[in-house]
Amino acid sequence: MYFTDRGIEELADRRGEEEVSLAWLADRLRAFVDEHPEHEVPVERLASWLARLDDDLGEDE
């Protein structure tokens, strides 16, 4: 288990039944980076990965 799995599990446990828009998620990611600019690169990578998921369908990574 990766260290991040704990945070992901907490997110699923606490908010897993909620539905959110991608616009809401984008706003939350911007707010996080505003508060924690040292995490800008990983957040950017995550956002780009999420944005391109459909582009990678069927391709091996």
N, C-alpha and C. Protein backbone atom coordinates (compact mmCIF):
# COMPACT_ATOMS: atom_id res chain seq x y z
N MET A 1 0.85 -1.19 0.00
CA MET A 1 0.00 0.00 0.00
C MET A 1 0.88 1.24 0.00
N TYR A 2 0.54 2.16 -0.88
CA TYR A 2 1.26 3.42 -0.93
C TYR A 2 0.74 4.35 0.17
N PHE A 3 1.57 5.28 0.56
CA PHE A 3 1.17 6.27 1.57
C PHE A 3 -0.10 7.00 1.13
N THR A 4 -0.20 7.31 -0.16
CA THR A 4 -1.35 8.06 -0.66
C THR A 4 -2.65 7.26 -0.59
N ASP A 5 -2.55 5.93 -0.50
CA ASP A 5 -3.76 5.11 -0.42
C ASP A 5 -4.62 5.48 0.78
N ARG A 6 -4.00 5.89 1.86
CA ARG A 6 -4.78 6.28 3.05
C ARG A 6 -5.66 7.48 2.75
N GLY A 7 -5.12 8.46 2.08
CA GLY A 7 -5.90 9.64 1.72
C GLY A 7 -6.99 9.31 0.71
N ILE A 8 -6.67 8.45 -0.24
CA ILE A 8 -7.66 8.04 -1.23
C ILE A 8 -8.78 7.26 -0.56
N GLU A 9 -8.44 6.37 0.36
CA GLU A 9 -9.45 5.61 1.09
C GLU A 9 -10.33 6.54 1.94
N GLU A 10 -9.71 7.54 2.58
CA GLU A 10 -10.49 8.50 3.37
C GLU A 10 -11.45 9.27 2.47
N LEU A 11 -10.99 9.69 1.31
CA LEU A 11 -11.84 10.40 0.36
C LEU A 11 -13.03 9.53 -0.03
N ALA A 12 -12.77 8.28 -0.37
CA ALA A 12 -13.85 7.38 -0.78
C ALA A 12 -14.82 7.13 0.38
N ASP A 13 -14.29 6.96 1.58
CA ASP A 13 -15.15 6.70 2.74
C ASP A 13 -16.01 7.90 3.09
N ARG A 14 -15.41 9.08 3.08
CA ARG A 14 -16.13 10.29 3.51
C ARG A 14 -17.03 10.88 2.44
N ARG A 15 -16.62 10.79 1.17
CA ARG A 15 -17.33 11.52 0.12
C ARG A 15 -17.70 10.66 -1.07
N GLY A 16 -17.55 9.35 -0.92
CA GLY A 16 -17.75 8.43 -2.02
C GLY A 16 -19.14 8.41 -2.61
N GLU A 17 -20.14 8.83 -1.86
CA GLU A 17 -21.51 8.83 -2.36
C GLU A 17 -21.88 10.14 -3.06
N GLU A 18 -21.01 11.14 -2.96
CA GLU A 18 -21.30 12.45 -3.55
C GLU A 18 -21.01 12.45 -5.05
N GLU A 19 -21.72 13.30 -5.76
CA GLU A 19 -21.42 13.55 -7.16
C GLU A 19 -20.93 14.98 -7.28
N VAL A 20 -19.83 15.16 -7.99
CA VAL A 20 -19.26 16.49 -8.19
C VAL A 20 -18.97 16.69 -9.67
N SER A 21 -18.92 17.94 -10.07
CA SER A 21 -18.58 18.24 -11.46
C SER A 21 -17.06 18.36 -11.60
N LEU A 22 -16.60 18.25 -12.82
CA LEU A 22 -15.18 18.45 -13.06
C LEU A 22 -14.78 19.90 -12.82
N ALA A 23 -15.71 20.82 -13.04
CA ALA A 23 -15.44 22.23 -12.75
C ALA A 23 -15.20 22.41 -11.24
N TRP A 24 -16.00 21.74 -10.42
CA TRP A 24 -15.82 21.81 -8.96
C TRP A 24 -14.45 21.25 -8.59
N LEU A 25 -14.09 20.09 -9.16
CA LEU A 25 -12.79 19.49 -8.88
C LEU A 25 -11.66 20.42 -9.30
N ALA A 26 -11.77 21.01 -10.47
CA ALA A 26 -10.74 21.95 -10.94
C ALA A 26 -10.59 23.12 -9.98
N ASP A 27 -11.71 23.64 -9.49
CA ASP A 27 -11.65 24.74 -8.51
C ASP A 27 -10.96 24.30 -7.22
N ARG A 28 -11.25 23.10 -6.77
CA ARG A 28 -10.64 22.59 -5.54
C ARG A 28 -9.13 22.38 -5.74
N LEU A 29 -8.74 21.88 -6.92
CA LEU A 29 -7.31 21.70 -7.19
C LEU A 29 -6.59 23.04 -7.23
N ARG A 30 -7.22 24.05 -7.84
CA ARG A 30 -6.62 25.40 -7.86
C ARG A 30 -6.47 25.94 -6.44
N ALA A 31 -7.50 25.78 -5.63
CA ALA A 31 -7.44 26.26 -4.25
C ALA A 31 -6.33 25.54 -3.47
N PHE A 32 -6.18 24.24 -3.70
CA PHE A 32 -5.13 23.48 -3.03
C PHE A 32 -3.75 24.02 -3.42
N VAL A 33 -3.54 24.24 -4.71
CA VAL A 33 -2.24 24.75 -5.17
C VAL A 33 -1.99 26.16 -4.65
N ASP A 34 -3.05 26.97 -4.56
CA ASP A 34 -2.89 28.31 -3.98
C ASP A 34 -2.39 28.23 -2.54
N GLU A 35 -2.90 27.26 -1.78
CA GLU A 35 -2.49 27.10 -0.38
C GLU A 35 -1.18 26.34 -0.24
N HIS A 36 -0.87 25.48 -1.21
CA HIS A 36 0.31 24.62 -1.13
C HIS A 36 1.07 24.66 -2.47
N PRO A 37 1.67 25.79 -2.81
CA PRO A 37 2.33 25.91 -4.11
C PRO A 37 3.45 24.91 -4.34
N GLU A 38 3.99 24.36 -3.29
CA GLU A 38 5.06 23.36 -3.44
C GLU A 38 4.56 22.07 -4.09
N HIS A 39 3.22 21.90 -4.14
CA HIS A 39 2.63 20.70 -4.75
C HIS A 39 2.08 20.98 -6.15
N GLU A 40 2.47 22.08 -6.74
CA GLU A 40 1.95 22.45 -8.06
C GLU A 40 2.23 21.39 -9.13
N VAL A 41 3.44 20.87 -9.17
CA VAL A 41 3.80 19.92 -10.22
C VAL A 41 2.99 18.63 -10.12
N PRO A 42 2.90 17.98 -8.93
CA PRO A 42 2.09 16.76 -8.88
C PRO A 42 0.61 17.00 -9.19
N VAL A 43 0.07 18.14 -8.78
CA VAL A 43 -1.33 18.44 -9.07
C VAL A 43 -1.51 18.64 -10.58
N GLU A 44 -0.57 19.32 -11.20
CA GLU A 44 -0.61 19.51 -12.65
C GLU A 44 -0.55 18.17 -13.38
N ARG A 45 0.32 17.29 -12.91
CA ARG A 45 0.42 15.96 -13.53
C ARG A 45 -0.87 15.17 -13.37
N LEU A 46 -1.46 15.21 -12.19
CA LEU A 46 -2.73 14.51 -11.96
C LEU A 46 -3.82 15.08 -12.87
N ALA A 47 -3.93 16.39 -12.93
CA ALA A 47 -4.96 17.02 -13.76
C ALA A 47 -4.77 16.65 -15.23
N SER A 48 -3.54 16.68 -15.71
CA SER A 48 -3.27 16.32 -17.10
C SER A 48 -3.59 14.85 -17.36
N TRP A 49 -3.24 13.99 -16.42
CA TRP A 49 -3.54 12.57 -16.55
C TRP A 49 -5.04 12.33 -16.62
N LEU A 50 -5.79 12.98 -15.73
CA LEU A 50 -7.24 12.85 -15.74
C LEU A 50 -7.84 13.38 -17.04
N ALA A 51 -7.32 14.50 -17.51
CA ALA A 51 -7.85 15.11 -18.74
C ALA A 51 -7.62 14.23 -19.96
N ARG A 52 -6.57 13.43 -19.94
CA ARG A 52 -6.19 12.65 -21.12
C ARG A 52 -6.56 11.17 -21.03
N LEU A 53 -7.31 10.77 -20.02
CA LEU A 53 -7.64 9.36 -19.85
C LEU A 53 -8.23 8.74 -21.11
N ASP A 54 -9.17 9.39 -21.74
CA ASP A 54 -9.79 8.84 -22.94
C ASP A 54 -8.80 8.74 -24.10
N ASP A 55 -7.81 9.60 -24.13
CA ASP A 55 -6.81 9.56 -25.19
C ASP A 55 -5.98 8.29 -25.13
N ASP A 56 -5.82 7.73 -23.92
CA ASP A 56 -4.94 6.58 -23.70
C ASP A 56 -5.68 5.25 -23.74
N LEU A 57 -6.98 5.24 -23.95
CA LEU A 57 -7.72 3.98 -23.97
C LEU A 57 -7.17 3.05 -25.02
N GLY A 58 -6.93 1.83 -24.61
CA GLY A 58 -6.45 0.83 -25.54
C GLY A 58 -4.93 0.82 -25.72
N GLU A 59 -4.25 1.77 -25.12
CA GLU A 59 -2.79 1.81 -25.23
C GLU A 59 -2.16 1.23 -23.97
N ASP A 60 -1.08 0.49 -24.12
CA ASP A 60 -0.35 -0.02 -22.97
C ASP A 60 0.57 1.07 -22.46
N GLU A 61 0.66 1.14 -21.13
CA GLU A 61 1.57 2.15 -20.55
C GLU A 61 2.79 1.48 -20.00
